[in-house]
N, C-alpha and C. Protein backbone atom coordinates (compact mmCIF):
# COMPACT_ATOMS: atom_id res chain seq x y z
N MET A 1 -6.67 -6.46 13.87
CA MET A 1 -5.93 -5.93 12.93
C MET A 1 -4.47 -6.48 12.67
N PRO A 2 -4.18 -6.80 11.64
CA PRO A 2 -2.76 -7.39 11.50
C PRO A 2 -1.58 -6.29 11.76
N ARG A 3 -0.65 -7.01 12.25
CA ARG A 3 0.50 -5.97 12.41
C ARG A 3 1.30 -5.65 11.33
N LEU A 4 1.89 -4.43 11.19
CA LEU A 4 2.67 -3.89 10.03
C LEU A 4 3.99 -4.59 10.07
N VAL A 5 4.40 -5.16 8.94
CA VAL A 5 5.64 -5.57 8.71
C VAL A 5 6.33 -4.61 7.67
N THR A 6 7.43 -4.21 7.88
CA THR A 6 8.20 -3.38 6.71
C THR A 6 9.51 -4.28 6.28
N PRO A 7 9.16 -4.95 5.35
CA PRO A 7 10.35 -5.95 4.88
C PRO A 7 11.44 -5.36 4.38
N GLU A 8 12.57 -5.92 4.57
CA GLU A 8 13.81 -5.45 3.77
C GLU A 8 13.65 -5.43 2.47
N ILE A 9 14.36 -4.69 1.57
CA ILE A 9 14.28 -4.80 0.31
C ILE A 9 14.91 -6.07 -0.23
N PRO A 10 14.17 -6.94 -0.88
CA PRO A 10 14.71 -8.27 -1.24
C PRO A 10 15.84 -8.22 -2.19
N GLY A 11 16.58 -9.39 -2.22
CA GLY A 11 17.64 -9.48 -3.09
C GLY A 11 17.24 -9.85 -4.36
N LYS A 12 18.01 -9.81 -5.36
CA LYS A 12 17.40 -10.20 -6.80
C LYS A 12 16.98 -11.60 -6.78
N GLY A 13 15.88 -11.76 -7.41
CA GLY A 13 15.20 -12.98 -7.64
C GLY A 13 14.20 -13.40 -6.39
N ASP A 14 14.23 -12.69 -5.23
CA ASP A 14 13.38 -12.87 -4.26
C ASP A 14 11.98 -12.58 -4.43
N ASP A 15 11.65 -11.51 -5.26
CA ASP A 15 10.26 -11.19 -5.55
C ASP A 15 9.56 -12.25 -6.44
N ARG A 16 10.24 -12.84 -7.35
CA ARG A 16 9.54 -14.01 -8.03
C ARG A 16 9.19 -14.93 -7.15
N THR A 17 10.18 -15.38 -6.27
CA THR A 17 9.85 -16.46 -5.45
C THR A 17 8.68 -16.10 -4.33
N ALA A 18 8.82 -14.91 -3.85
CA ALA A 18 7.76 -14.49 -3.14
C ALA A 18 6.35 -14.48 -3.63
N SER A 19 6.41 -14.07 -4.95
CA SER A 19 5.03 -13.90 -5.80
C SER A 19 4.61 -15.36 -6.00
N ARG A 20 5.42 -16.32 -6.35
CA ARG A 20 4.97 -17.69 -6.47
C ARG A 20 4.44 -18.42 -5.24
N ALA A 21 5.35 -17.90 -4.19
CA ALA A 21 4.77 -18.42 -2.66
C ALA A 21 3.31 -17.80 -2.28
N TYR A 22 3.17 -16.81 -2.60
CA TYR A 22 1.81 -16.13 -2.40
C TYR A 22 0.82 -16.63 -3.34
N THR A 23 1.13 -16.92 -4.59
CA THR A 23 0.29 -17.64 -5.23
C THR A 23 -0.21 -18.93 -5.05
N ASP A 24 0.88 -19.81 -4.34
CA ASP A 24 0.61 -21.08 -3.80
C ASP A 24 -0.37 -21.03 -2.63
N VAL A 25 -0.23 -19.93 -1.79
CA VAL A 25 -1.10 -19.65 -0.65
C VAL A 25 -2.59 -19.31 -1.01
N ILE A 26 -2.64 -18.51 -1.94
CA ILE A 26 -3.93 -18.10 -2.55
C ILE A 26 -4.60 -19.14 -3.26
N VAL A 27 -3.92 -20.23 -3.91
CA VAL A 27 -4.68 -21.41 -4.51
C VAL A 27 -5.31 -22.14 -3.36
N GLU A 28 -4.48 -22.27 -2.22
CA GLU A 28 -4.99 -23.01 -1.28
C GLU A 28 -6.19 -22.43 -0.60
N ASN A 29 -6.15 -21.01 -0.55
CA ASN A 29 -7.41 -20.39 0.14
C ASN A 29 -7.50 -19.25 -0.48
N LEU A 30 -8.41 -19.11 -1.58
CA LEU A 30 -8.76 -18.05 -2.51
C LEU A 30 -9.24 -16.87 -1.87
N GLN A 31 -9.75 -16.96 -0.57
CA GLN A 31 -10.15 -15.85 0.07
C GLN A 31 -9.52 -15.21 1.22
N ASP A 32 -8.17 -15.33 1.16
CA ASP A 32 -7.28 -14.91 2.16
C ASP A 32 -6.76 -13.35 1.76
N PRO A 33 -7.42 -12.45 2.18
CA PRO A 33 -7.03 -11.14 1.95
C PRO A 33 -5.59 -10.83 2.31
N ALA A 34 -4.96 -11.27 3.28
CA ALA A 34 -3.51 -11.28 3.66
C ALA A 34 -2.64 -11.59 2.70
N ALA A 35 -2.89 -12.75 2.11
CA ALA A 35 -2.08 -13.39 1.12
C ALA A 35 -2.22 -12.59 -0.15
N LEU A 36 -3.51 -12.24 -0.51
CA LEU A 36 -3.64 -11.58 -1.68
C LEU A 36 -2.85 -10.13 -1.55
N ASN A 37 -3.01 -9.42 -0.51
CA ASN A 37 -2.21 -8.27 -0.32
C ASN A 37 -0.74 -8.34 -0.43
N ASN A 38 -0.26 -9.42 0.21
CA ASN A 38 1.17 -9.79 0.25
C ASN A 38 1.64 -10.18 -1.24
N ARG A 39 0.91 -10.86 -1.96
CA ARG A 39 1.28 -10.93 -3.45
C ARG A 39 1.18 -9.98 -4.23
N GLY A 40 0.34 -8.80 -3.96
CA GLY A 40 0.33 -7.69 -4.57
C GLY A 40 1.77 -6.86 -4.27
N VAL A 41 2.26 -6.82 -3.11
CA VAL A 41 3.50 -6.34 -2.63
C VAL A 41 4.61 -6.75 -3.50
N ALA A 42 4.67 -8.23 -3.64
CA ALA A 42 5.63 -8.92 -4.41
C ALA A 42 5.62 -8.57 -5.89
N LEU A 43 4.25 -8.41 -6.45
CA LEU A 43 4.18 -8.06 -7.83
C LEU A 43 4.67 -6.50 -7.97
N GLU A 44 4.38 -5.72 -7.07
CA GLU A 44 4.70 -4.33 -7.17
C GLU A 44 6.15 -4.21 -7.21
N ARG A 45 6.90 -4.92 -6.38
CA ARG A 45 8.33 -5.01 -6.34
C ARG A 45 9.03 -5.47 -7.70
N GLN A 46 8.20 -6.12 -8.47
CA GLN A 46 8.64 -6.66 -9.75
C GLN A 46 8.35 -5.75 -10.82
N GLY A 47 7.62 -4.59 -10.40
CA GLY A 47 7.20 -3.74 -11.49
C GLY A 47 5.96 -4.14 -12.15
N ARG A 48 5.32 -5.08 -11.84
CA ARG A 48 4.01 -5.64 -12.36
C ARG A 48 2.85 -4.99 -11.75
N TYR A 49 2.63 -3.64 -12.09
CA TYR A 49 1.67 -2.85 -11.38
C TYR A 49 0.20 -3.11 -11.71
N GLU A 50 -0.05 -3.50 -12.85
CA GLU A 50 -1.60 -4.06 -13.10
C GLU A 50 -1.95 -5.15 -12.32
N GLU A 51 -1.00 -6.25 -12.42
CA GLU A 51 -1.26 -7.38 -11.53
C GLU A 51 -1.32 -6.94 -10.08
N ALA A 52 -0.52 -6.02 -9.42
CA ALA A 52 -0.43 -5.85 -8.22
C ALA A 52 -1.88 -5.24 -7.83
N LEU A 53 -2.28 -4.20 -8.67
CA LEU A 53 -3.54 -3.49 -8.42
C LEU A 53 -4.71 -4.69 -8.24
N ALA A 54 -4.56 -5.74 -9.20
CA ALA A 54 -5.62 -6.66 -9.18
C ALA A 54 -5.55 -7.40 -7.90
N ALA A 55 -4.43 -7.66 -7.28
CA ALA A 55 -4.25 -8.47 -6.25
C ALA A 55 -4.80 -7.64 -4.95
N PHE A 56 -4.56 -6.38 -4.85
CA PHE A 56 -5.07 -5.44 -3.84
C PHE A 56 -6.44 -5.38 -3.87
N SER A 57 -7.04 -5.16 -5.20
CA SER A 57 -8.54 -5.15 -5.25
C SER A 57 -9.10 -6.39 -4.88
N ALA A 58 -8.36 -7.43 -5.18
CA ALA A 58 -8.92 -8.73 -4.81
C ALA A 58 -8.94 -8.94 -3.17
N ALA A 59 -8.06 -8.54 -2.65
CA ALA A 59 -7.97 -8.49 -1.11
C ALA A 59 -8.96 -7.63 -0.51
N LEU A 60 -9.37 -6.63 -1.23
CA LEU A 60 -10.42 -5.70 -0.71
C LEU A 60 -11.81 -6.35 -0.98
N LEU A 61 -11.96 -7.27 -1.87
CA LEU A 61 -13.27 -7.98 -2.14
C LEU A 61 -13.60 -8.84 -0.73
N TYR A 62 -12.43 -9.35 -0.07
CA TYR A 62 -12.74 -10.18 1.13
C TYR A 62 -12.59 -9.52 2.43
N ASP A 63 -11.88 -8.46 2.42
CA ASP A 63 -11.98 -7.48 3.45
C ASP A 63 -11.69 -6.05 3.21
N ASN A 64 -12.95 -5.53 3.01
CA ASN A 64 -13.07 -4.04 2.64
C ASN A 64 -12.60 -3.07 3.66
N ASP A 65 -12.07 -3.58 4.81
CA ASP A 65 -11.68 -2.72 5.93
C ASP A 65 -10.26 -2.97 6.06
N ASP A 66 -9.54 -3.37 5.01
CA ASP A 66 -8.05 -3.61 5.24
C ASP A 66 -7.26 -2.33 4.81
N VAL A 67 -6.84 -1.57 5.77
CA VAL A 67 -6.19 -0.32 5.66
C VAL A 67 -4.93 -0.52 4.74
N TYR A 68 -4.30 -1.81 4.87
CA TYR A 68 -3.00 -2.06 4.14
C TYR A 68 -3.38 -2.13 2.69
N ALA A 69 -4.48 -2.91 2.32
CA ALA A 69 -4.73 -3.02 0.91
C ALA A 69 -5.03 -1.68 0.33
N TRP A 70 -5.89 -0.91 1.02
CA TRP A 70 -6.31 0.36 0.58
C TRP A 70 -5.09 1.19 0.26
N ASN A 71 -4.14 1.20 1.21
CA ASN A 71 -3.10 2.02 0.95
C ASN A 71 -2.30 1.52 -0.13
N ASN A 72 -2.12 0.27 -0.23
CA ASN A 72 -1.26 -0.24 -1.33
C ASN A 72 -1.89 0.04 -2.61
N ARG A 73 -3.28 -0.11 -2.73
CA ARG A 73 -3.91 0.21 -3.75
C ARG A 73 -3.68 1.77 -4.28
N ALA A 74 -3.60 2.63 -3.26
CA ALA A 74 -3.14 4.17 -3.78
C ALA A 74 -1.79 4.08 -4.20
N VAL A 75 -0.92 3.47 -3.66
CA VAL A 75 0.48 3.43 -4.05
C VAL A 75 0.54 3.27 -5.58
N ILE A 76 -0.06 1.87 -5.80
CA ILE A 76 0.02 1.58 -7.26
C ILE A 76 -0.86 2.38 -8.28
N LEU A 77 -1.97 2.87 -7.77
CA LEU A 77 -2.68 3.81 -8.70
C LEU A 77 -1.76 5.14 -8.83
N THR A 78 -1.08 5.41 -7.96
CA THR A 78 -0.15 6.62 -8.22
C THR A 78 0.92 6.22 -9.26
N ARG A 79 1.58 4.97 -9.11
CA ARG A 79 2.52 4.50 -10.08
C ARG A 79 1.90 4.43 -11.42
N LEU A 80 0.51 4.16 -11.59
CA LEU A 80 -0.06 3.97 -12.82
C LEU A 80 -0.52 5.34 -13.38
N ASP A 81 -0.22 6.42 -12.73
CA ASP A 81 -0.51 7.74 -13.09
C ASP A 81 -2.09 7.93 -13.09
N ARG A 82 -2.62 7.43 -11.88
CA ARG A 82 -4.16 7.55 -11.78
C ARG A 82 -4.25 8.20 -10.27
N PRO A 83 -3.71 9.39 -10.20
CA PRO A 83 -3.71 10.00 -8.76
C PRO A 83 -5.05 10.46 -8.19
N GLN A 84 -6.04 10.78 -8.95
CA GLN A 84 -7.37 10.90 -8.55
C GLN A 84 -8.02 9.74 -7.86
N GLU A 85 -7.78 8.75 -8.43
CA GLU A 85 -8.13 7.35 -7.73
C GLU A 85 -7.36 7.03 -6.53
N ALA A 86 -6.23 7.35 -6.61
CA ALA A 86 -5.37 7.23 -5.48
C ALA A 86 -5.68 8.08 -4.21
N VAL A 87 -6.06 9.32 -4.55
CA VAL A 87 -6.69 10.10 -3.50
C VAL A 87 -7.80 9.39 -2.76
N LEU A 88 -8.73 8.84 -3.56
CA LEU A 88 -10.03 8.15 -3.08
C LEU A 88 -9.45 6.90 -2.15
N ALA A 89 -8.50 6.21 -2.68
CA ALA A 89 -8.16 4.92 -1.84
C ALA A 89 -7.40 5.43 -0.42
N CYS A 90 -6.66 6.53 -0.54
CA CYS A 90 -6.08 7.27 0.70
C CYS A 90 -7.15 7.63 1.61
N ARG A 91 -8.10 8.15 1.21
CA ARG A 91 -9.22 8.53 2.01
C ARG A 91 -9.98 7.36 2.67
N GLN A 92 -10.12 6.35 1.84
CA GLN A 92 -10.81 5.14 2.33
C GLN A 92 -9.90 4.48 3.36
N ALA A 93 -8.54 4.43 3.26
CA ALA A 93 -7.71 3.84 4.19
C ALA A 93 -7.79 4.54 5.45
N LEU A 94 -7.80 6.07 5.41
CA LEU A 94 -7.93 6.84 6.66
C LEU A 94 -9.15 6.80 7.27
N ALA A 95 -10.30 6.52 6.54
CA ALA A 95 -11.48 6.47 7.24
C ALA A 95 -11.45 5.21 8.11
N ILE A 96 -10.61 4.16 7.68
CA ILE A 96 -10.72 2.87 8.48
C ILE A 96 -9.76 3.07 9.71
N ASP A 97 -8.60 3.62 9.30
CA ASP A 97 -7.70 3.89 10.54
C ASP A 97 -6.85 5.17 10.34
N ARG A 98 -7.46 6.05 11.27
CA ARG A 98 -6.81 7.46 11.27
C ARG A 98 -5.40 7.54 11.85
N SER A 99 -5.01 6.38 12.43
CA SER A 99 -3.54 6.46 12.84
C SER A 99 -2.48 5.73 12.06
N CYS A 100 -2.96 5.48 10.95
CA CYS A 100 -1.92 4.64 9.91
C CYS A 100 -1.13 5.71 9.15
N ILE A 101 0.10 5.62 9.81
CA ILE A 101 1.03 6.60 9.15
C ILE A 101 1.37 6.51 7.74
N PHE A 102 1.39 5.12 7.30
CA PHE A 102 1.49 4.82 5.88
C PHE A 102 0.46 5.61 5.05
N ALA A 103 -0.73 5.48 5.51
CA ALA A 103 -1.81 6.06 4.74
C ALA A 103 -1.55 7.66 4.65
N TRP A 104 -1.34 8.09 5.74
CA TRP A 104 -1.05 9.69 5.74
C TRP A 104 0.02 10.00 4.89
N VAL A 105 1.18 9.38 4.84
CA VAL A 105 2.27 9.66 4.10
C VAL A 105 1.95 9.50 2.61
N THR A 106 1.34 8.34 2.26
CA THR A 106 0.71 8.08 0.84
C THR A 106 -0.14 9.21 0.45
N TYR A 107 -0.95 9.62 1.19
CA TYR A 107 -1.94 10.71 1.00
C TYR A 107 -1.31 11.92 0.64
N GLY A 108 -0.37 12.26 1.55
CA GLY A 108 0.51 13.58 1.45
C GLY A 108 1.28 13.48 -0.09
N MET A 109 1.90 12.18 -0.39
CA MET A 109 2.69 12.23 -1.44
C MET A 109 1.76 12.41 -2.74
N VAL A 110 0.51 11.83 -2.70
CA VAL A 110 -0.46 11.83 -3.90
C VAL A 110 -0.83 13.38 -4.11
N LEU A 111 -1.11 14.06 -2.97
CA LEU A 111 -1.65 15.28 -2.97
C LEU A 111 -0.43 16.20 -3.72
N GLY A 112 0.76 15.93 -3.25
CA GLY A 112 1.94 16.73 -3.85
C GLY A 112 2.02 16.42 -5.30
N ARG A 113 1.68 15.16 -5.81
CA ARG A 113 1.86 14.92 -7.11
C ARG A 113 0.72 15.61 -8.00
N LEU A 114 -0.36 15.87 -7.21
CA LEU A 114 -1.63 16.66 -8.02
C LEU A 114 -1.36 18.06 -7.92
N GLY A 115 -0.23 18.40 -7.21
CA GLY A 115 0.19 19.88 -7.08
C GLY A 115 -0.56 20.67 -6.03
N ASN A 116 -1.32 19.81 -5.28
CA ASN A 116 -1.92 20.52 -3.90
C ASN A 116 -0.72 20.45 -2.80
N TYR A 117 0.17 21.43 -2.89
CA TYR A 117 1.25 21.34 -2.09
C TYR A 117 0.84 21.73 -0.77
N GLN A 118 0.11 22.86 -0.37
CA GLN A 118 -0.20 23.21 0.90
C GLN A 118 -1.13 22.20 1.56
N GLU A 119 -2.06 21.39 1.07
CA GLU A 119 -2.74 20.44 1.60
C GLU A 119 -1.79 19.17 1.92
N ALA A 120 -0.92 18.91 0.94
CA ALA A 120 0.00 17.99 1.07
C ALA A 120 0.91 18.10 2.25
N GLU A 121 1.49 19.42 2.62
CA GLU A 121 2.28 19.64 3.74
C GLU A 121 1.45 19.48 5.04
N HIS A 122 0.11 19.83 4.98
CA HIS A 122 -0.83 19.76 6.02
C HIS A 122 -0.83 18.27 6.49
N VAL A 123 -1.20 17.35 5.29
CA VAL A 123 -1.33 15.84 5.51
C VAL A 123 0.03 15.39 6.11
N LEU A 124 1.21 15.81 5.62
CA LEU A 124 2.34 15.23 6.06
C LEU A 124 2.62 15.71 7.53
N ALA A 125 2.20 16.99 7.85
CA ALA A 125 2.43 17.27 9.25
C ALA A 125 1.68 16.43 10.23
N VAL A 126 0.44 16.06 9.78
CA VAL A 126 -0.53 15.12 10.56
C VAL A 126 0.39 13.74 10.76
N ALA A 127 0.88 13.17 9.56
CA ALA A 127 1.88 11.93 9.78
C ALA A 127 2.96 12.26 10.78
N GLU A 128 3.52 13.48 10.69
CA GLU A 128 4.55 13.66 11.61
C GLU A 128 4.29 13.82 13.01
N ASP A 129 3.01 14.36 13.28
CA ASP A 129 2.52 14.30 14.64
C ASP A 129 2.44 13.03 15.20
N LEU A 130 2.05 11.97 14.29
CA LEU A 130 1.83 10.66 14.67
C LEU A 130 3.32 9.99 14.87
N ASP A 131 4.21 10.31 14.01
CA ASP A 131 5.50 9.75 14.11
C ASP A 131 6.54 10.85 13.33
N PRO A 132 7.41 11.21 14.23
CA PRO A 132 8.37 12.35 13.72
C PRO A 132 9.20 11.63 12.55
N GLN A 133 9.27 10.45 12.38
CA GLN A 133 9.99 9.98 11.36
C GLN A 133 9.20 9.53 9.96
N ALA A 134 8.06 9.96 9.94
CA ALA A 134 7.08 9.43 8.99
C ALA A 134 7.47 9.93 7.72
N ARG A 135 8.13 11.09 7.26
CA ARG A 135 8.54 11.38 6.00
C ARG A 135 9.54 10.28 5.53
N ALA A 136 10.30 9.71 6.29
CA ALA A 136 11.38 8.91 6.06
C ALA A 136 10.78 7.49 5.47
N LEU A 137 9.60 7.39 5.43
CA LEU A 137 8.84 6.17 4.77
C LEU A 137 8.96 6.15 3.37
N TYR A 138 9.08 7.24 2.72
CA TYR A 138 9.24 7.42 1.45
C TYR A 138 10.70 8.09 0.89
N PRO A 139 11.42 7.62 0.03
CA PRO A 139 10.91 6.82 -1.06
C PRO A 139 11.20 5.19 -0.75
N GLY A 140 11.45 4.89 0.41
CA GLY A 140 11.54 3.61 0.75
C GLY A 140 10.46 2.56 0.35
N ASN A 141 10.31 1.59 1.24
CA ASN A 141 9.23 0.62 1.17
C ASN A 141 7.79 1.35 1.02
N SER A 142 7.36 1.23 -0.01
CA SER A 142 6.01 2.00 -0.23
C SER A 142 4.65 1.23 -0.13
N THR A 143 4.77 -0.05 -0.27
CA THR A 143 3.61 -1.03 0.05
C THR A 143 3.87 -1.83 1.31
N MET A 144 2.89 -2.19 2.01
CA MET A 144 2.93 -2.88 3.10
C MET A 144 2.44 -4.40 3.03
N THR A 145 3.33 -5.19 3.80
CA THR A 145 2.75 -6.56 3.80
C THR A 145 2.09 -6.73 5.22
N ARG A 146 1.21 -7.69 5.14
CA ARG A 146 0.59 -7.92 6.42
C ARG A 146 1.15 -9.35 6.90
N ALA A 147 1.41 -9.41 8.35
CA ALA A 147 1.93 -10.50 8.98
C ALA A 147 0.79 -11.67 9.04
């Protein structure tokens, strides 16, 4: 399982450079789920949500057990106002790794957006049991890169 990297918020222009770099890596190895996931993160930070969703979906074609890509897919689906699909992506991420704090927090945020506040609080409590600082993950870095 790859390790989680929580990157600093990039400076102006860095996302385009990162996106181009990940595109170059993908061209070299079209089946690299980590590169596809990281490209999706760069696209998300540029506000290119449909393209980011496509990148995360492509990563999952090559590694359907990638908790990071499932979580990132959920984040993007939420941004695209598709919370029901985001719930399914969160559940898939948690089925893969019940200890992924990011997936628990994303799931709680999506449930809150759907108005399921009691369930959202329960889910966020699970995240806080895993890490007392879990709620601090939002609204900061919402998608996860893979090292």
